[in-house]
Amino acid sequence: METVTVERVIPAPVDEVFAWLTTTTHYTRSPLALRCRLTRHGEGAPYGVGAVRSHLWLIGWFRERITRYDPPYATEYVVERSWPPSRHELGRMTFTATDDGTHVRWTTRAEVRLPLLGAPLTRLLMRPVLTRTFGNILATAGAALGREGRAGPGVRSSRPT
């Protein structure tokens, strides 16, 4: 299991950044996201708790369910199904207002589900691809909100546990 964390400061108000990044149909503005759909509305908000969304990215297909929705501070999700097959424990975005805009921290914890090859594929392929994909979506959000997001504290990936 690998943890990938990507962070970025987007110079826009926290409520705007939260709204943009939790509306995943916006992700198709990134060249890495081919199709993103909301397939089931959540409780109290389209992307609220219980919402189901389907993503087709260059790296695969993912069906996700929202498990936490706390505007404009945090959202969490779990990947219920995917191709290539993966085990997913956590997806989380947190949003913190700063003097420079909004600090976004996107964390996921997952691994490729493949006997013997899963751990090395996760470490050598999935982690860098997810890091690039998340970073690209955050940069796209910065551009879409009318301002270029500047690199935050950086990209960090923890070792498997």
N, C-alpha and C. Protein backbone atom coordinates (compact mmCIF):
# COMPACT_ATOMS: atom_id res chain seq x y z
N MET A 1 0.86 -1.18 0.00
CA MET A 1 0.00 0.00 0.00
C MET A 1 0.90 1.23 0.00
N GLU A 2 0.60 2.16 -0.88
CA GLU A 2 1.37 3.40 -1.00
C GLU A 2 0.46 4.58 -0.69
N THR A 3 1.03 5.60 -0.09
CA THR A 3 0.33 6.85 0.15
C THR A 3 0.95 7.91 -0.74
N VAL A 4 0.12 8.60 -1.49
CA VAL A 4 0.55 9.69 -2.36
C VAL A 4 -0.10 10.96 -1.85
N THR A 5 0.70 12.00 -1.66
CA THR A 5 0.18 13.29 -1.23
C THR A 5 0.72 14.36 -2.17
N VAL A 6 -0.19 15.15 -2.70
CA VAL A 6 0.18 16.27 -3.57
C VAL A 6 -0.42 17.52 -2.93
N GLU A 7 0.39 18.56 -2.84
CA GLU A 7 -0.06 19.81 -2.22
C GLU A 7 0.21 20.97 -3.16
N ARG A 8 -0.69 21.96 -3.09
CA ARG A 8 -0.53 23.13 -3.95
C ARG A 8 -1.31 24.28 -3.33
N VAL A 9 -0.79 25.49 -3.47
CA VAL A 9 -1.54 26.68 -3.08
C VAL A 9 -2.14 27.26 -4.34
N ILE A 10 -3.45 27.43 -4.31
CA ILE A 10 -4.18 28.02 -5.43
C ILE A 10 -4.65 29.40 -4.98
N PRO A 11 -4.22 30.47 -5.64
CA PRO A 11 -4.56 31.82 -5.19
C PRO A 11 -6.00 32.20 -5.52
N ALA A 12 -6.91 31.56 -4.81
CA ALA A 12 -8.34 31.84 -4.93
C ALA A 12 -8.97 31.52 -3.57
N PRO A 13 -10.14 32.08 -3.29
CA PRO A 13 -10.80 31.82 -2.01
C PRO A 13 -11.13 30.34 -1.81
N VAL A 14 -11.09 29.91 -0.57
CA VAL A 14 -11.27 28.50 -0.23
C VAL A 14 -12.60 27.94 -0.73
N ASP A 15 -13.68 28.72 -0.65
CA ASP A 15 -14.98 28.21 -1.10
C ASP A 15 -15.00 27.96 -2.61
N GLU A 16 -14.31 28.81 -3.39
CA GLU A 16 -14.24 28.61 -4.84
C GLU A 16 -13.40 27.38 -5.20
N VAL A 17 -12.28 27.22 -4.51
CA VAL A 17 -11.40 26.09 -4.78
C VAL A 17 -12.10 24.79 -4.40
N PHE A 18 -12.76 24.76 -3.24
CA PHE A 18 -13.49 23.57 -2.82
C PHE A 18 -14.57 23.21 -3.84
N ALA A 19 -15.35 24.20 -4.25
CA ALA A 19 -16.43 23.95 -5.21
C ALA A 19 -15.88 23.41 -6.54
N TRP A 20 -14.79 23.98 -7.02
CA TRP A 20 -14.22 23.54 -8.30
C TRP A 20 -13.70 22.11 -8.19
N LEU A 21 -12.93 21.81 -7.16
CA LEU A 21 -12.29 20.50 -7.06
C LEU A 21 -13.24 19.38 -6.63
N THR A 22 -14.34 19.71 -6.01
CA THR A 22 -15.30 18.65 -5.66
C THR A 22 -16.30 18.40 -6.77
N THR A 23 -16.36 19.27 -7.76
CA THR A 23 -17.17 19.06 -8.95
C THR A 23 -16.26 18.41 -9.98
N THR A 24 -16.19 17.10 -9.93
CA THR A 24 -15.15 16.40 -10.70
C THR A 24 -15.37 16.43 -12.21
N THR A 25 -16.53 16.87 -12.68
CA THR A 25 -16.67 17.04 -14.13
C THR A 25 -15.69 18.10 -14.65
N HIS A 26 -15.20 18.98 -13.76
CA HIS A 26 -14.19 19.95 -14.14
C HIS A 26 -12.86 19.30 -14.52
N TYR A 27 -12.61 18.11 -14.02
CA TYR A 27 -11.32 17.45 -14.26
C TYR A 27 -11.05 17.23 -15.74
N THR A 28 -12.11 17.18 -16.55
CA THR A 28 -11.89 16.95 -17.99
C THR A 28 -11.19 18.13 -18.66
N ARG A 29 -11.02 19.23 -17.96
CA ARG A 29 -10.22 20.34 -18.49
C ARG A 29 -8.73 19.99 -18.46
N SER A 30 -8.39 18.98 -17.70
CA SER A 30 -7.02 18.47 -17.66
C SER A 30 -6.85 17.48 -18.80
N PRO A 31 -5.72 17.48 -19.48
CA PRO A 31 -5.54 16.53 -20.58
C PRO A 31 -5.46 15.07 -20.13
N LEU A 32 -5.34 14.84 -18.82
CA LEU A 32 -5.20 13.48 -18.32
C LEU A 32 -6.55 12.85 -17.96
N ALA A 33 -7.60 13.65 -17.89
CA ALA A 33 -8.93 13.15 -17.56
C ALA A 33 -9.80 13.17 -18.81
N LEU A 34 -10.25 11.99 -19.23
CA LEU A 34 -11.01 11.87 -20.48
C LEU A 34 -12.51 12.05 -20.27
N ARG A 35 -13.04 11.48 -19.17
CA ARG A 35 -14.48 11.59 -18.89
C ARG A 35 -14.68 11.49 -17.39
N CYS A 36 -15.46 12.39 -16.84
CA CYS A 36 -15.81 12.37 -15.42
C CYS A 36 -17.30 12.66 -15.31
N ARG A 37 -18.01 11.73 -14.65
CA ARG A 37 -19.47 11.89 -14.54
C ARG A 37 -19.91 11.65 -13.11
N LEU A 38 -20.95 12.36 -12.72
CA LEU A 38 -21.63 12.11 -11.47
C LEU A 38 -22.75 11.12 -11.79
N THR A 39 -22.67 9.91 -11.24
CA THR A 39 -23.67 8.89 -11.57
C THR A 39 -24.75 8.75 -10.51
N ARG A 40 -24.51 9.28 -9.31
CA ARG A 40 -25.53 9.29 -8.25
C ARG A 40 -25.29 10.52 -7.38
N HIS A 41 -26.34 11.28 -7.14
CA HIS A 41 -26.23 12.46 -6.29
C HIS A 41 -26.07 12.06 -4.83
N GLY A 42 -25.37 12.90 -4.09
CA GLY A 42 -25.16 12.67 -2.67
C GLY A 42 -26.25 13.31 -1.83
N GLU A 43 -26.12 13.12 -0.53
CA GLU A 43 -27.06 13.69 0.44
C GLU A 43 -26.78 15.17 0.62
N GLY A 44 -27.77 16.01 0.39
CA GLY A 44 -27.65 17.43 0.64
C GLY A 44 -26.89 18.24 -0.40
N ALA A 45 -26.17 17.58 -1.29
CA ALA A 45 -25.41 18.26 -2.34
C ALA A 45 -25.09 17.23 -3.42
N PRO A 46 -24.99 17.66 -4.66
CA PRO A 46 -24.70 16.69 -5.72
C PRO A 46 -23.47 15.82 -5.42
N TYR A 47 -22.40 16.43 -4.90
CA TYR A 47 -21.18 15.67 -4.59
C TYR A 47 -21.04 15.42 -3.09
N GLY A 48 -22.18 15.38 -2.38
CA GLY A 48 -22.18 15.12 -0.95
C GLY A 48 -22.00 13.64 -0.63
N VAL A 49 -22.10 13.31 0.65
CA VAL A 49 -21.92 11.93 1.11
C VAL A 49 -22.87 11.01 0.36
N GLY A 50 -22.33 9.91 -0.13
CA GLY A 50 -23.10 8.92 -0.88
C GLY A 50 -23.06 9.12 -2.38
N ALA A 51 -22.57 10.27 -2.84
CA ALA A 51 -22.46 10.51 -4.28
C ALA A 51 -21.53 9.47 -4.89
N VAL A 52 -21.85 9.07 -6.12
CA VAL A 52 -21.00 8.13 -6.86
C VAL A 52 -20.57 8.84 -8.14
N ARG A 53 -19.29 8.77 -8.40
CA ARG A 53 -18.76 9.40 -9.60
C ARG A 53 -17.90 8.39 -10.35
N SER A 54 -17.86 8.56 -11.66
CA SER A 54 -17.13 7.65 -12.53
C SER A 54 -16.11 8.46 -13.31
N HIS A 55 -14.84 8.02 -13.26
CA HIS A 55 -13.76 8.73 -13.94
C HIS A 55 -13.05 7.81 -14.92
N LEU A 56 -12.83 8.30 -16.11
CA LEU A 56 -11.98 7.64 -17.08
C LEU A 56 -10.79 8.57 -17.31
N TRP A 57 -9.65 8.15 -16.80
CA TRP A 57 -8.42 8.90 -16.95
C TRP A 57 -7.50 8.12 -17.86
N LEU A 58 -6.44 8.73 -18.33
CA LEU A 58 -5.46 8.02 -19.14
C LEU A 58 -4.89 6.82 -18.38
N ILE A 59 -4.92 6.87 -17.06
CA ILE A 59 -4.34 5.79 -16.25
C ILE A 59 -5.34 4.69 -15.92
N GLY A 60 -6.63 4.85 -16.25
CA GLY A 60 -7.60 3.81 -15.94
C GLY A 60 -8.99 4.36 -15.69
N TRP A 61 -9.86 3.45 -15.23
CA TRP A 61 -11.25 3.77 -14.93
C TRP A 61 -11.48 3.57 -13.44
N PHE A 62 -12.23 4.49 -12.81
CA PHE A 62 -12.46 4.45 -11.37
C PHE A 62 -13.90 4.82 -11.06
N ARG A 63 -14.54 4.01 -10.20
CA ARG A 63 -15.85 4.37 -9.64
C ARG A 63 -15.63 4.68 -8.17
N GLU A 64 -15.96 5.91 -7.79
CA GLU A 64 -15.71 6.39 -6.44
C GLU A 64 -17.01 6.76 -5.73
N ARG A 65 -16.99 6.57 -4.42
CA ARG A 65 -18.13 6.96 -3.58
C ARG A 65 -17.64 7.96 -2.54
N ILE A 66 -18.36 9.07 -2.40
CA ILE A 66 -18.00 10.10 -1.42
C ILE A 66 -18.41 9.61 -0.03
N THR A 67 -17.45 9.67 0.91
CA THR A 67 -17.70 9.21 2.27
C THR A 67 -17.71 10.35 3.29
N ARG A 68 -17.19 11.50 2.89
CA ARG A 68 -17.20 12.69 3.77
C ARG A 68 -17.30 13.92 2.88
N TYR A 69 -18.12 14.87 3.32
CA TYR A 69 -18.31 16.10 2.56
C TYR A 69 -18.51 17.21 3.58
N ASP A 70 -17.48 18.03 3.78
CA ASP A 70 -17.49 19.08 4.80
C ASP A 70 -17.04 20.39 4.16
N PRO A 71 -17.96 21.05 3.40
CA PRO A 71 -17.57 22.26 2.69
C PRO A 71 -17.26 23.42 3.65
N PRO A 72 -16.27 24.22 3.35
CA PRO A 72 -15.28 24.12 2.28
C PRO A 72 -13.93 23.56 2.76
N TYR A 73 -13.98 22.64 3.71
CA TYR A 73 -12.75 22.20 4.36
C TYR A 73 -12.21 20.83 3.92
N ALA A 74 -13.10 19.88 3.63
CA ALA A 74 -12.61 18.53 3.33
C ALA A 74 -13.65 17.71 2.58
N THR A 75 -13.14 16.78 1.81
CA THR A 75 -13.96 15.75 1.19
C THR A 75 -13.13 14.47 1.18
N GLU A 76 -13.81 13.33 1.30
CA GLU A 76 -13.13 12.04 1.26
C GLU A 76 -13.93 11.09 0.37
N TYR A 77 -13.22 10.13 -0.19
CA TYR A 77 -13.85 9.17 -1.08
C TYR A 77 -13.12 7.84 -1.00
N VAL A 78 -13.77 6.82 -1.52
CA VAL A 78 -13.16 5.51 -1.65
C VAL A 78 -13.43 5.01 -3.06
N VAL A 79 -12.43 4.37 -3.66
CA VAL A 79 -12.61 3.77 -4.98
C VAL A 79 -13.25 2.41 -4.76
N GLU A 80 -14.47 2.25 -5.28
CA GLU A 80 -15.19 0.98 -5.12
C GLU A 80 -14.81 -0.05 -6.18
N ARG A 81 -14.56 0.41 -7.38
CA ARG A 81 -14.16 -0.46 -8.49
C ARG A 81 -13.19 0.31 -9.36
N SER A 82 -12.32 -0.44 -10.02
CA SER A 82 -11.37 0.23 -10.91
C SER A 82 -10.79 -0.77 -11.90
N TRP A 83 -10.24 -0.18 -12.97
CA TRP A 83 -9.42 -0.93 -13.90
C TRP A 83 -8.24 -0.05 -14.26
N PRO A 84 -7.03 -0.47 -14.06
CA PRO A 84 -6.67 -1.79 -13.55
C PRO A 84 -7.15 -1.97 -12.10
N PRO A 85 -7.33 -3.23 -11.69
CA PRO A 85 -7.83 -3.49 -10.34
C PRO A 85 -6.90 -2.92 -9.27
N SER A 86 -7.50 -2.29 -8.27
CA SER A 86 -6.70 -1.72 -7.18
C SER A 86 -7.42 -1.90 -5.86
N ARG A 87 -6.65 -1.82 -4.80
CA ARG A 87 -7.21 -1.77 -3.45
C ARG A 87 -7.01 -0.33 -2.98
N HIS A 88 -8.07 0.28 -2.49
CA HIS A 88 -8.04 1.69 -2.14
C HIS A 88 -8.59 1.87 -0.74
N GLU A 89 -7.81 2.50 0.12
CA GLU A 89 -8.25 2.71 1.50
C GLU A 89 -8.73 4.13 1.76
N LEU A 90 -8.22 5.10 1.02
CA LEU A 90 -8.53 6.48 1.36
C LEU A 90 -8.25 7.40 0.19
N GLY A 91 -9.15 8.33 -0.03
CA GLY A 91 -8.91 9.48 -0.89
C GLY A 91 -9.39 10.69 -0.09
N ARG A 92 -8.57 11.70 0.03
CA ARG A 92 -8.95 12.86 0.84
C ARG A 92 -8.38 14.13 0.23
N MET A 93 -9.21 15.17 0.21
CA MET A 93 -8.75 16.51 -0.12
C MET A 93 -9.08 17.40 1.06
N THR A 94 -8.09 18.17 1.50
CA THR A 94 -8.35 19.18 2.53
C THR A 94 -8.03 20.55 1.96
N PHE A 95 -8.74 21.55 2.45
CA PHE A 95 -8.66 22.90 1.94
C PHE A 95 -8.49 23.85 3.12
N THR A 96 -7.42 24.65 3.08
CA THR A 96 -7.12 25.58 4.17
C THR A 96 -6.88 26.96 3.59
N ALA A 97 -7.63 27.94 4.10
CA ALA A 97 -7.41 29.32 3.66
C ALA A 97 -6.06 29.79 4.16
N THR A 98 -5.32 30.46 3.28
CA THR A 98 -4.02 31.04 3.63
C THR A 98 -3.99 32.48 3.14
N ASP A 99 -2.94 33.20 3.51
CA ASP A 99 -2.78 34.57 3.02
C ASP A 99 -2.65 34.61 1.50
N ASP A 100 -2.15 33.51 0.91
CA ASP A 100 -1.93 33.44 -0.54
C ASP A 100 -3.10 32.84 -1.31
N GLY A 101 -4.14 32.39 -0.64
CA GLY A 101 -5.27 31.75 -1.31
C GLY A 101 -5.73 30.54 -0.53
N THR A 102 -5.64 29.37 -1.18
CA THR A 102 -6.10 28.12 -0.56
C THR A 102 -5.03 27.05 -0.72
N HIS A 103 -4.66 26.47 0.40
CA HIS A 103 -3.72 25.33 0.38
C HIS A 103 -4.57 24.07 0.25
N VAL A 104 -4.30 23.31 -0.82
CA VAL A 104 -5.01 22.05 -1.07
C VAL A 104 -4.04 20.91 -0.82
N ARG A 105 -4.49 19.94 -0.09
CA ARG A 105 -3.70 18.72 0.15
C ARG A 105 -4.55 17.54 -0.31
N TRP A 106 -4.06 16.81 -1.32
CA TRP A 106 -4.78 15.67 -1.90
C TRP A 106 -3.98 14.42 -1.58
N THR A 107 -4.59 13.52 -0.84
CA THR A 107 -3.93 12.30 -0.39
C THR A 107 -4.74 11.09 -0.82
N THR A 108 -4.06 10.07 -1.28
CA THR A 108 -4.71 8.80 -1.57
C THR A 108 -3.83 7.68 -1.08
N ARG A 109 -4.47 6.60 -0.70
CA ARG A 109 -3.75 5.42 -0.21
C ARG A 109 -4.30 4.21 -0.95
N ALA A 110 -3.44 3.60 -1.78
CA ALA A 110 -3.92 2.52 -2.66
C ALA A 110 -2.77 1.63 -3.09
N GLU A 111 -3.13 0.54 -3.75
CA GLU A 111 -2.14 -0.33 -4.37
C GLU A 111 -2.77 -1.08 -5.53
N VAL A 112 -1.95 -1.43 -6.49
CA VAL A 112 -2.38 -2.26 -7.61
C VAL A 112 -2.65 -3.66 -7.05
N ARG A 113 -3.79 -4.23 -7.40
CA ARG A 113 -4.17 -5.55 -6.91
C ARG A 113 -3.73 -6.61 -7.92
N LEU A 114 -2.51 -7.09 -7.74
CA LEU A 114 -1.95 -8.08 -8.64
C LEU A 114 -0.96 -8.93 -7.83
N PRO A 115 -1.16 -10.24 -7.79
CA PRO A 115 -0.26 -11.09 -7.00
C PRO A 115 1.19 -10.90 -7.42
N LEU A 116 2.05 -10.82 -6.44
CA LEU A 116 3.51 -10.69 -6.58
C LEU A 116 3.96 -9.38 -7.21
N LEU A 117 3.29 -8.89 -8.23
CA LEU A 117 3.72 -7.68 -8.93
C LEU A 117 3.05 -6.41 -8.41
N GLY A 118 2.02 -6.57 -7.57
CA GLY A 118 1.26 -5.41 -7.10
C GLY A 118 2.09 -4.36 -6.40
N ALA A 119 2.90 -4.78 -5.43
CA ALA A 119 3.69 -3.81 -4.65
C ALA A 119 4.71 -3.08 -5.52
N PRO A 120 5.51 -3.80 -6.34
CA PRO A 120 6.47 -3.04 -7.16
C PRO A 120 5.79 -2.17 -8.21
N LEU A 121 4.70 -2.63 -8.80
CA LEU A 121 3.98 -1.80 -9.78
C LEU A 121 3.41 -0.55 -9.12
N THR A 122 2.91 -0.72 -7.90
CA THR A 122 2.36 0.42 -7.16
C THR A 122 3.45 1.44 -6.91
N ARG A 123 4.58 1.00 -6.43
CA ARG A 123 5.68 1.89 -6.07
C ARG A 123 6.32 2.54 -7.30
N LEU A 124 6.57 1.74 -8.33
CA LEU A 124 7.33 2.23 -9.47
C LEU A 124 6.49 2.90 -10.55
N LEU A 125 5.23 2.53 -10.65
CA LEU A 125 4.39 3.07 -11.72
C LEU A 125 3.22 3.89 -11.18
N MET A 126 2.41 3.30 -10.30
CA MET A 126 1.19 3.98 -9.85
C MET A 126 1.50 5.27 -9.09
N ARG A 127 2.46 5.23 -8.17
CA ARG A 127 2.75 6.41 -7.37
C ARG A 127 3.17 7.61 -8.22
N PRO A 128 4.13 7.47 -9.14
CA PRO A 128 4.49 8.64 -9.95
C PRO A 128 3.37 9.10 -10.90
N VAL A 129 2.59 8.15 -11.41
CA VAL A 129 1.50 8.52 -12.31
C VAL A 129 0.40 9.27 -11.54
N LEU A 130 0.04 8.80 -10.35
CA LEU A 130 -0.95 9.51 -9.55
C LEU A 130 -0.44 10.88 -9.12
N THR A 131 0.82 10.96 -8.77
CA THR A 131 1.40 12.25 -8.38
C THR A 131 1.27 13.25 -9.54
N ARG A 132 1.61 12.82 -10.73
CA ARG A 132 1.51 13.70 -11.90
C ARG A 132 0.05 14.06 -12.21
N THR A 133 -0.83 13.07 -12.15
CA THR A 133 -2.24 13.31 -12.45
C THR A 133 -2.86 14.29 -11.47
N PHE A 134 -2.66 14.07 -10.17
CA PHE A 134 -3.22 14.98 -9.16
C PHE A 134 -2.63 16.38 -9.31
N GLY A 135 -1.32 16.46 -9.53
CA GLY A 135 -0.69 17.76 -9.72
C GLY A 135 -1.23 18.50 -10.92
N ASN A 136 -1.49 17.76 -12.00
CA ASN A 136 -2.04 18.37 -13.20
C ASN A 136 -3.45 18.90 -12.96
N ILE A 137 -4.26 18.14 -12.24
CA ILE A 137 -5.63 18.59 -11.94
C ILE A 137 -5.60 19.82 -11.04
N LEU A 138 -4.71 19.86 -10.07
CA LEU A 138 -4.61 21.04 -9.21
C LEU A 138 -4.13 22.26 -10.00
N ALA A 139 -3.19 22.07 -10.91
CA ALA A 139 -2.75 23.17 -11.77
C ALA A 139 -3.88 23.65 -12.67
N THR A 140 -4.67 22.72 -13.18
CA THR A 140 -5.82 23.06 -14.02
C THR A 140 -6.84 23.86 -13.21
N ALA A 141 -7.04 23.50 -11.96
CA ALA A 141 -7.96 24.26 -11.09
C ALA A 141 -7.45 25.68 -10.92
N GLY A 142 -6.14 25.84 -10.70
CA GLY A 142 -5.58 27.18 -10.55
C GLY A 142 -5.79 28.02 -11.79
N ALA A 143 -5.57 27.42 -12.95
CA ALA A 143 -5.77 28.15 -14.20
C ALA A 143 -7.24 28.46 -14.44
N ALA A 144 -8.12 27.52 -14.14
CA ALA A 144 -9.55 27.70 -14.36
C ALA A 144 -10.14 28.78 -13.46
N LEU A 145 -9.56 28.93 -12.29
CA LEU A 145 -10.05 29.95 -11.36
C LEU A 145 -9.47 31.32 -11.67
N GLY A 146 -8.77 31.41 -12.82
CA GLY A 146 -8.31 32.71 -13.29
C GLY A 146 -6.94 33.12 -12.82
N ARG A 147 -6.29 32.24 -12.08
CA ARG A 147 -4.97 32.56 -11.55
C ARG A 147 -4.14 31.29 -11.64
N GLU A 148 -2.88 31.41 -11.87
CA GLU A 148 -2.01 30.24 -11.93
C GLU A 148 -1.65 29.83 -10.51
N GLY A 149 -1.94 28.61 -10.12
CA GLY A 149 -1.56 28.10 -8.80
C GLY A 149 -0.06 27.96 -8.73
N ARG A 150 0.51 28.33 -7.60
CA ARG A 150 1.96 28.15 -7.45
C ARG A 150 2.22 26.90 -6.64
N ALA A 151 3.35 26.32 -6.83
CA ALA A 151 3.68 25.08 -6.13
C ALA A 151 3.61 25.32 -4.64
N GLY A 152 2.99 24.39 -3.95
CA GLY A 152 2.88 24.47 -2.50
C GLY A 152 4.09 23.82 -1.86
N PRO A 153 3.91 23.28 -0.65
CA PRO A 153 5.02 22.68 0.06
C PRO A 153 5.65 21.52 -0.69
N GLY A 154 5.03 21.05 -1.75
CA GLY A 154 5.67 20.02 -2.55
C GLY A 154 4.84 18.77 -2.67
N VAL A 155 5.43 17.82 -3.31
CA VAL A 155 4.81 16.53 -3.53
C VAL A 155 5.54 15.54 -2.67
N ARG A 156 4.78 14.79 -1.90
CA ARG A 156 5.41 13.80 -1.04
C ARG A 156 4.69 12.48 -1.21
N SER A 157 5.43 11.44 -1.21
CA SER A 157 4.88 10.09 -1.25
C SER A 157 5.54 9.30 -0.14
N SER A 158 4.71 8.67 0.68
CA SER A 158 5.30 7.90 1.76
C SER A 158 5.57 6.48 1.30
N ARG A 159 6.39 5.80 2.03
CA ARG A 159 6.72 4.40 1.74
C ARG A 159 5.54 3.52 2.14
N PRO A 160 5.44 2.35 1.55
CA PRO A 160 4.35 1.45 1.90
C PRO A 160 4.41 1.02 3.36
N THR A 161 3.22 0.78 3.91
CA THR A 161 3.15 0.32 5.30
C THR A 161 2.43 -1.00 5.38
